[in-house]
Amino acid sequence: MLEDQKGLKEVDAIYKASMPSSKNEPYYDNLRQIGFMLLISNGLIKDGTKEQKLYYINEQLESIANLPNFNDFYLLLNSLKSEVSLSELTGYSDKFFNKNLALINEIGWKNEDEKIQKISELNEALRLFSTE
């Protein structure tokens, strides 16, 4: 577990140091999503502090798109249930869900089935938060 914490601390430091100063950079959101996936794989959900977890929840809420990270976002919310009020977590959940649903509806999908599949993925991820 100590090694996991070291890995998480390193990825956290690299993430914060590597983000461009301007959120208008064309690759900013992609970098944010890749960083989030690395943080998750390095133990953010299990070993992250409350402050780290809230920081990265807010990073995801500020992102333009979160299409690859639905499940991880809701699992991260679940990990805070003993430290943060349910109403605050529900607010994060609602904002994340509504933002991503709106984005899914704006995308010009090749066919309607792809859109329906992505909406289903978002709904399934929401259930991770709602049922645990």
N, C-alpha and C. Protein backbone atom coordinates (compact mmCIF):
# COMPACT_ATOMS: atom_id res chain seq x y z
N MET A 1 0.83 -1.20 0.00
CA MET A 1 0.00 0.00 0.00
C MET A 1 0.87 1.26 0.00
N LEU A 2 2.00 1.23 0.69
CA LEU A 2 2.90 2.38 0.71
C LEU A 2 3.40 2.69 -0.69
N GLU A 3 3.71 1.63 -1.47
CA GLU A 3 4.14 1.86 -2.85
C GLU A 3 3.02 2.47 -3.67
N ASP A 4 1.78 2.03 -3.44
CA ASP A 4 0.64 2.62 -4.15
C ASP A 4 0.52 4.10 -3.84
N GLN A 5 0.69 4.47 -2.58
CA GLN A 5 0.61 5.88 -2.20
C GLN A 5 1.73 6.67 -2.86
N LYS A 6 2.93 6.09 -2.93
CA LYS A 6 4.04 6.78 -3.58
C LYS A 6 3.71 7.00 -5.06
N GLY A 7 3.19 5.95 -5.72
CA GLY A 7 2.83 6.08 -7.13
C GLY A 7 1.75 7.13 -7.33
N LEU A 8 0.75 7.14 -6.46
CA LEU A 8 -0.31 8.13 -6.55
C LEU A 8 0.24 9.53 -6.35
N LYS A 9 1.10 9.71 -5.35
CA LYS A 9 1.68 11.03 -5.10
C LYS A 9 2.48 11.52 -6.30
N GLU A 10 3.23 10.61 -6.91
CA GLU A 10 4.02 10.99 -8.09
C GLU A 10 3.13 11.40 -9.26
N VAL A 11 2.11 10.59 -9.53
CA VAL A 11 1.20 10.90 -10.65
C VAL A 11 0.45 12.20 -10.37
N ASP A 12 0.04 12.40 -9.13
CA ASP A 12 -0.64 13.64 -8.73
C ASP A 12 0.26 14.84 -8.98
N ALA A 13 1.51 14.74 -8.57
CA ALA A 13 2.47 15.86 -8.76
C ALA A 13 2.72 16.10 -10.24
N ILE A 14 2.89 15.03 -11.00
CA ILE A 14 3.14 15.18 -12.44
C ILE A 14 1.92 15.79 -13.13
N TYR A 15 0.75 15.34 -12.76
CA TYR A 15 -0.49 15.88 -13.34
C TYR A 15 -0.54 17.39 -13.13
N LYS A 16 -0.37 17.81 -11.90
CA LYS A 16 -0.50 19.23 -11.58
C LYS A 16 0.60 20.07 -12.23
N ALA A 17 1.80 19.52 -12.34
CA ALA A 17 2.91 20.25 -12.96
C ALA A 17 2.81 20.27 -14.48
N SER A 18 2.16 19.27 -15.05
CA SER A 18 2.13 19.12 -16.51
C SER A 18 0.97 19.84 -17.19
N MET A 19 -0.04 20.20 -16.42
CA MET A 19 -1.19 20.84 -17.04
C MET A 19 -0.79 22.23 -17.56
N PRO A 20 -1.17 22.52 -18.78
CA PRO A 20 -0.84 23.84 -19.33
C PRO A 20 -1.49 24.95 -18.51
N SER A 21 -0.87 26.10 -18.54
CA SER A 21 -1.40 27.23 -17.77
C SER A 21 -2.71 27.74 -18.38
N SER A 22 -2.90 27.51 -19.66
CA SER A 22 -4.12 27.97 -20.32
C SER A 22 -5.05 26.79 -20.61
N LYS A 23 -6.26 26.90 -20.13
CA LYS A 23 -7.25 25.87 -20.40
C LYS A 23 -7.74 25.93 -21.84
N ASN A 24 -7.30 26.94 -22.59
CA ASN A 24 -7.71 27.08 -23.98
C ASN A 24 -6.83 26.30 -24.94
N GLU A 25 -5.76 25.66 -24.41
CA GLU A 25 -4.92 24.83 -25.28
C GLU A 25 -5.78 23.72 -25.88
N PRO A 26 -5.60 23.42 -27.17
CA PRO A 26 -6.48 22.45 -27.82
C PRO A 26 -6.40 21.04 -27.22
N TYR A 27 -5.31 20.69 -26.60
CA TYR A 27 -5.15 19.35 -26.05
C TYR A 27 -5.44 19.27 -24.55
N TYR A 28 -5.84 20.37 -23.95
CA TYR A 28 -6.01 20.45 -22.49
C TYR A 28 -6.96 19.39 -21.96
N ASP A 29 -8.11 19.26 -22.56
CA ASP A 29 -9.11 18.32 -22.06
C ASP A 29 -8.65 16.87 -22.23
N ASN A 30 -8.00 16.57 -23.36
CA ASN A 30 -7.48 15.21 -23.55
C ASN A 30 -6.43 14.87 -22.51
N LEU A 31 -5.54 15.81 -22.22
CA LEU A 31 -4.51 15.62 -21.20
C LEU A 31 -5.16 15.38 -19.83
N ARG A 32 -6.20 16.12 -19.56
CA ARG A 32 -6.92 15.97 -18.30
C ARG A 32 -7.52 14.57 -18.18
N GLN A 33 -8.11 14.06 -19.24
CA GLN A 33 -8.72 12.73 -19.21
C GLN A 33 -7.68 11.62 -19.07
N ILE A 34 -6.57 11.75 -19.78
CA ILE A 34 -5.50 10.76 -19.67
C ILE A 34 -4.93 10.78 -18.26
N GLY A 35 -4.72 11.96 -17.71
CA GLY A 35 -4.22 12.08 -16.35
C GLY A 35 -5.16 11.45 -15.35
N PHE A 36 -6.45 11.65 -15.53
CA PHE A 36 -7.44 11.07 -14.62
C PHE A 36 -7.37 9.54 -14.66
N MET A 37 -7.25 8.97 -15.85
CA MET A 37 -7.15 7.52 -15.96
C MET A 37 -5.89 7.01 -15.27
N LEU A 38 -4.78 7.73 -15.40
CA LEU A 38 -3.55 7.33 -14.71
C LEU A 38 -3.70 7.42 -13.20
N LEU A 39 -4.34 8.46 -12.73
CA LEU A 39 -4.58 8.60 -11.29
C LEU A 39 -5.43 7.46 -10.75
N ILE A 40 -6.47 7.11 -11.48
CA ILE A 40 -7.34 6.01 -11.07
C ILE A 40 -6.53 4.71 -11.01
N SER A 41 -5.73 4.47 -12.04
CA SER A 41 -4.96 3.22 -12.08
C SER A 41 -3.84 3.20 -11.04
N ASN A 42 -3.51 4.35 -10.48
CA ASN A 42 -2.49 4.43 -9.43
C ASN A 42 -3.09 4.58 -8.04
N GLY A 43 -4.37 4.29 -7.90
CA GLY A 43 -4.96 4.18 -6.57
C GLY A 43 -5.70 5.37 -6.03
N LEU A 44 -6.11 6.30 -6.88
CA LEU A 44 -6.83 7.47 -6.37
C LEU A 44 -8.07 7.07 -5.59
N ILE A 45 -8.84 6.12 -6.09
CA ILE A 45 -10.08 5.73 -5.41
C ILE A 45 -9.78 5.10 -4.06
N LYS A 46 -8.83 4.21 -4.01
CA LYS A 46 -8.54 3.46 -2.79
C LYS A 46 -7.67 4.25 -1.81
N ASP A 47 -6.65 4.93 -2.31
CA ASP A 47 -5.63 5.52 -1.44
C ASP A 47 -5.59 7.05 -1.42
N GLY A 48 -6.38 7.69 -2.26
CA GLY A 48 -6.34 9.15 -2.32
C GLY A 48 -6.92 9.79 -1.06
N THR A 49 -6.43 10.98 -0.77
CA THR A 49 -6.99 11.74 0.35
C THR A 49 -8.31 12.37 -0.09
N LYS A 50 -9.07 12.82 0.87
CA LYS A 50 -10.32 13.51 0.57
C LYS A 50 -10.05 14.71 -0.33
N GLU A 51 -9.00 15.45 -0.03
CA GLU A 51 -8.66 16.64 -0.81
C GLU A 51 -8.31 16.28 -2.25
N GLN A 52 -7.52 15.22 -2.42
CA GLN A 52 -7.16 14.79 -3.77
C GLN A 52 -8.41 14.38 -4.54
N LYS A 53 -9.25 13.59 -3.90
CA LYS A 53 -10.45 13.11 -4.58
C LYS A 53 -11.35 14.26 -4.99
N LEU A 54 -11.56 15.22 -4.11
CA LEU A 54 -12.41 16.37 -4.46
C LEU A 54 -11.77 17.21 -5.56
N TYR A 55 -10.47 17.35 -5.52
CA TYR A 55 -9.76 18.10 -6.58
C TYR A 55 -10.05 17.47 -7.94
N TYR A 56 -9.91 16.14 -8.02
CA TYR A 56 -10.08 15.48 -9.31
C TYR A 56 -11.55 15.32 -9.70
N ILE A 57 -12.44 15.31 -8.77
CA ILE A 57 -13.86 15.38 -9.11
C ILE A 57 -14.14 16.71 -9.78
N ASN A 58 -13.63 17.77 -9.21
CA ASN A 58 -13.83 19.10 -9.82
C ASN A 58 -13.12 19.22 -11.16
N GLU A 59 -11.97 18.60 -11.31
CA GLU A 59 -11.30 18.59 -12.61
C GLU A 59 -12.20 17.93 -13.66
N GLN A 60 -12.83 16.82 -13.30
CA GLN A 60 -13.72 16.15 -14.24
C GLN A 60 -14.96 16.98 -14.54
N LEU A 61 -15.47 17.66 -13.54
CA LEU A 61 -16.64 18.51 -13.76
C LEU A 61 -16.33 19.69 -14.66
N GLU A 62 -15.08 20.15 -14.64
CA GLU A 62 -14.68 21.27 -15.50
C GLU A 62 -14.33 20.83 -16.91
N SER A 63 -14.14 19.54 -17.11
CA SER A 63 -13.77 19.03 -18.43
C SER A 63 -14.93 19.21 -19.41
N ILE A 64 -14.57 19.36 -20.66
CA ILE A 64 -15.58 19.48 -21.70
C ILE A 64 -16.30 18.15 -21.88
N ALA A 65 -15.53 17.08 -21.93
CA ALA A 65 -16.09 15.75 -22.16
C ALA A 65 -15.46 14.75 -21.21
N ASN A 66 -16.25 13.80 -20.77
CA ASN A 66 -15.78 12.75 -19.87
C ASN A 66 -16.16 11.37 -20.40
N LEU A 67 -16.37 11.25 -21.66
CA LEU A 67 -16.93 10.02 -22.22
C LEU A 67 -16.15 8.76 -21.86
N PRO A 68 -14.83 8.80 -21.68
CA PRO A 68 -14.15 7.55 -21.31
C PRO A 68 -14.14 7.26 -19.80
N ASN A 69 -14.64 8.16 -18.98
CA ASN A 69 -14.44 8.04 -17.54
C ASN A 69 -15.72 7.99 -16.70
N PHE A 70 -16.82 7.56 -17.27
CA PHE A 70 -18.07 7.52 -16.52
C PHE A 70 -17.95 6.70 -15.24
N ASN A 71 -17.55 5.44 -15.39
CA ASN A 71 -17.51 4.54 -14.23
C ASN A 71 -16.55 5.04 -13.15
N ASP A 72 -15.36 5.44 -13.57
CA ASP A 72 -14.36 5.87 -12.59
C ASP A 72 -14.83 7.11 -11.82
N PHE A 73 -15.53 8.00 -12.48
CA PHE A 73 -16.03 9.19 -11.78
C PHE A 73 -16.99 8.78 -10.67
N TYR A 74 -17.94 7.90 -10.99
CA TYR A 74 -18.93 7.51 -9.98
C TYR A 74 -18.32 6.64 -8.88
N LEU A 75 -17.34 5.82 -9.21
CA LEU A 75 -16.64 5.06 -8.17
C LEU A 75 -15.87 5.99 -7.25
N LEU A 76 -15.30 7.05 -7.81
CA LEU A 76 -14.60 8.05 -7.00
C LEU A 76 -15.59 8.75 -6.06
N LEU A 77 -16.77 9.09 -6.56
CA LEU A 77 -17.79 9.67 -5.69
C LEU A 77 -18.14 8.72 -4.55
N ASN A 78 -18.32 7.45 -4.86
CA ASN A 78 -18.65 6.46 -3.83
C ASN A 78 -17.60 6.42 -2.74
N SER A 79 -16.35 6.59 -3.12
CA SER A 79 -15.27 6.48 -2.15
C SER A 79 -15.29 7.61 -1.12
N LEU A 80 -16.10 8.62 -1.37
CA LEU A 80 -16.19 9.77 -0.45
C LEU A 80 -17.45 9.76 0.40
N LYS A 81 -18.26 8.73 0.29
CA LYS A 81 -19.56 8.72 0.98
C LYS A 81 -19.43 8.85 2.50
N SER A 82 -18.33 8.40 3.08
CA SER A 82 -18.18 8.53 4.54
C SER A 82 -17.55 9.86 4.94
N GLU A 83 -17.12 10.66 3.95
CA GLU A 83 -16.41 11.90 4.26
C GLU A 83 -17.13 13.17 3.79
N VAL A 84 -18.05 13.02 2.86
CA VAL A 84 -18.74 14.16 2.25
C VAL A 84 -20.24 13.89 2.30
N SER A 85 -21.02 14.93 2.50
CA SER A 85 -22.47 14.75 2.61
C SER A 85 -23.05 14.18 1.31
N LEU A 86 -24.09 13.40 1.47
CA LEU A 86 -24.76 12.81 0.32
C LEU A 86 -25.32 13.89 -0.61
N SER A 87 -25.79 14.99 -0.05
CA SER A 87 -26.32 16.06 -0.90
C SER A 87 -25.22 16.69 -1.76
N GLU A 88 -24.03 16.84 -1.20
CA GLU A 88 -22.92 17.39 -1.98
C GLU A 88 -22.51 16.41 -3.08
N LEU A 89 -22.41 15.14 -2.74
CA LEU A 89 -22.05 14.13 -3.74
C LEU A 89 -23.11 14.02 -4.82
N THR A 90 -24.38 14.12 -4.44
CA THR A 90 -25.47 14.08 -5.41
C THR A 90 -25.39 15.28 -6.35
N GLY A 91 -25.00 16.43 -5.83
CA GLY A 91 -24.81 17.60 -6.69
C GLY A 91 -23.74 17.37 -7.74
N TYR A 92 -22.60 16.78 -7.32
CA TYR A 92 -21.55 16.44 -8.28
C TYR A 92 -22.07 15.44 -9.31
N SER A 93 -22.80 14.42 -8.82
CA SER A 93 -23.33 13.39 -9.70
C SER A 93 -24.27 13.99 -10.74
N ASP A 94 -25.18 14.82 -10.29
CA ASP A 94 -26.16 15.43 -11.20
C ASP A 94 -25.47 16.30 -12.25
N LYS A 95 -24.50 17.09 -11.83
CA LYS A 95 -23.79 17.96 -12.76
C LYS A 95 -23.04 17.14 -13.81
N PHE A 96 -22.36 16.10 -13.36
CA PHE A 96 -21.61 15.22 -14.27
C PHE A 96 -22.56 14.54 -15.26
N PHE A 97 -23.65 13.98 -14.75
CA PHE A 97 -24.60 13.29 -15.60
C PHE A 97 -25.21 14.24 -16.64
N ASN A 98 -25.71 15.37 -16.20
CA ASN A 98 -26.37 16.31 -17.11
C ASN A 98 -25.43 16.85 -18.17
N LYS A 99 -24.20 17.15 -17.77
CA LYS A 99 -23.21 17.66 -18.73
C LYS A 99 -22.92 16.63 -19.80
N ASN A 100 -22.71 15.39 -19.38
CA ASN A 100 -22.37 14.35 -20.34
C ASN A 100 -23.56 13.92 -21.20
N LEU A 101 -24.74 13.92 -20.63
CA LEU A 101 -25.94 13.62 -21.43
C LEU A 101 -26.13 14.68 -22.51
N ALA A 102 -25.94 15.94 -22.16
CA ALA A 102 -26.07 17.01 -23.14
C ALA A 102 -25.03 16.84 -24.25
N LEU A 103 -23.80 16.49 -23.86
CA LEU A 103 -22.75 16.29 -24.86
C LEU A 103 -23.09 15.12 -25.79
N ILE A 104 -23.53 14.03 -25.21
CA ILE A 104 -23.91 12.87 -26.03
C ILE A 104 -24.99 13.26 -27.04
N ASN A 105 -25.95 14.05 -26.61
CA ASN A 105 -27.03 14.47 -27.51
C ASN A 105 -26.57 15.44 -28.58
N GLU A 106 -25.44 16.14 -28.35
CA GLU A 106 -24.92 17.09 -29.34
C GLU A 106 -24.04 16.44 -30.39
N ILE A 107 -23.47 15.30 -30.08
CA ILE A 107 -22.54 14.64 -31.00
C ILE A 107 -23.28 14.14 -32.22
N GLY A 108 -22.66 14.29 -33.37
CA GLY A 108 -23.22 13.77 -34.62
C GLY A 108 -22.82 12.31 -34.78
N TRP A 109 -23.56 11.40 -34.15
CA TRP A 109 -23.25 9.98 -34.18
C TRP A 109 -23.47 9.42 -35.58
N LYS A 110 -22.69 8.40 -35.94
CA LYS A 110 -22.85 7.76 -37.25
C LYS A 110 -24.21 7.09 -37.37
N ASN A 111 -24.67 6.57 -36.24
CA ASN A 111 -26.01 5.99 -36.23
C ASN A 111 -26.60 6.12 -34.83
N GLU A 112 -27.88 5.99 -34.76
CA GLU A 112 -28.61 6.18 -33.51
C GLU A 112 -28.23 5.13 -32.45
N ASP A 113 -27.85 3.93 -32.90
CA ASP A 113 -27.47 2.87 -31.96
C ASP A 113 -26.25 3.26 -31.13
N GLU A 114 -25.28 3.93 -31.73
CA GLU A 114 -24.08 4.37 -31.00
C GLU A 114 -24.47 5.36 -29.90
N LYS A 115 -25.34 6.26 -30.24
CA LYS A 115 -25.81 7.25 -29.27
C LYS A 115 -26.55 6.57 -28.12
N ILE A 116 -27.43 5.65 -28.45
CA ILE A 116 -28.20 4.93 -27.43
C ILE A 116 -27.25 4.13 -26.53
N GLN A 117 -26.22 3.53 -27.12
CA GLN A 117 -25.24 2.76 -26.35
C GLN A 117 -24.50 3.66 -25.36
N LYS A 118 -24.11 4.84 -25.79
CA LYS A 118 -23.36 5.74 -24.91
C LYS A 118 -24.27 6.26 -23.79
N ILE A 119 -25.52 6.53 -24.08
CA ILE A 119 -26.47 6.93 -23.04
C ILE A 119 -26.66 5.79 -22.04
N SER A 120 -26.72 4.57 -22.54
CA SER A 120 -26.83 3.40 -21.64
C SER A 120 -25.61 3.29 -20.74
N GLU A 121 -24.42 3.53 -21.29
CA GLU A 121 -23.20 3.49 -20.49
C GLU A 121 -23.25 4.54 -19.37
N LEU A 122 -23.72 5.72 -19.70
CA LEU A 122 -23.83 6.78 -18.70
C LEU A 122 -24.83 6.41 -17.62
N ASN A 123 -25.97 5.86 -18.01
CA ASN A 123 -26.98 5.43 -17.03
C ASN A 123 -26.46 4.31 -16.14
N GLU A 124 -25.74 3.35 -16.71
CA GLU A 124 -25.16 2.26 -15.92
C GLU A 124 -24.14 2.80 -14.92
N ALA A 125 -23.33 3.75 -15.35
CA ALA A 125 -22.34 4.34 -14.45
C ALA A 125 -23.03 5.08 -13.30
N LEU A 126 -24.10 5.78 -13.60
CA LEU A 126 -24.85 6.48 -12.56
C LEU A 126 -25.35 5.49 -11.52
N ARG A 127 -25.76 4.31 -11.95
CA ARG A 127 -26.23 3.29 -11.00
C ARG A 127 -25.14 2.86 -10.04
N LEU A 128 -23.86 2.94 -10.46
CA LEU A 128 -22.76 2.63 -9.55
C LEU A 128 -22.81 3.55 -8.33
N PHE A 129 -23.15 4.80 -8.57
CA PHE A 129 -23.24 5.76 -7.47
C PHE A 129 -24.54 5.60 -6.71
N SER A 130 -25.61 5.39 -7.40
CA SER A 130 -26.93 5.36 -6.78
C SER A 130 -27.17 4.15 -5.90
N THR A 131 -26.54 3.04 -6.19
CA THR A 131 -26.88 1.79 -5.50
C THR A 131 -25.88 1.38 -4.42
N GLU A 132 -24.73 1.99 -4.37
CA GLU A 132 -23.74 1.56 -3.36
C GLU A 132 -23.83 2.39 -2.11
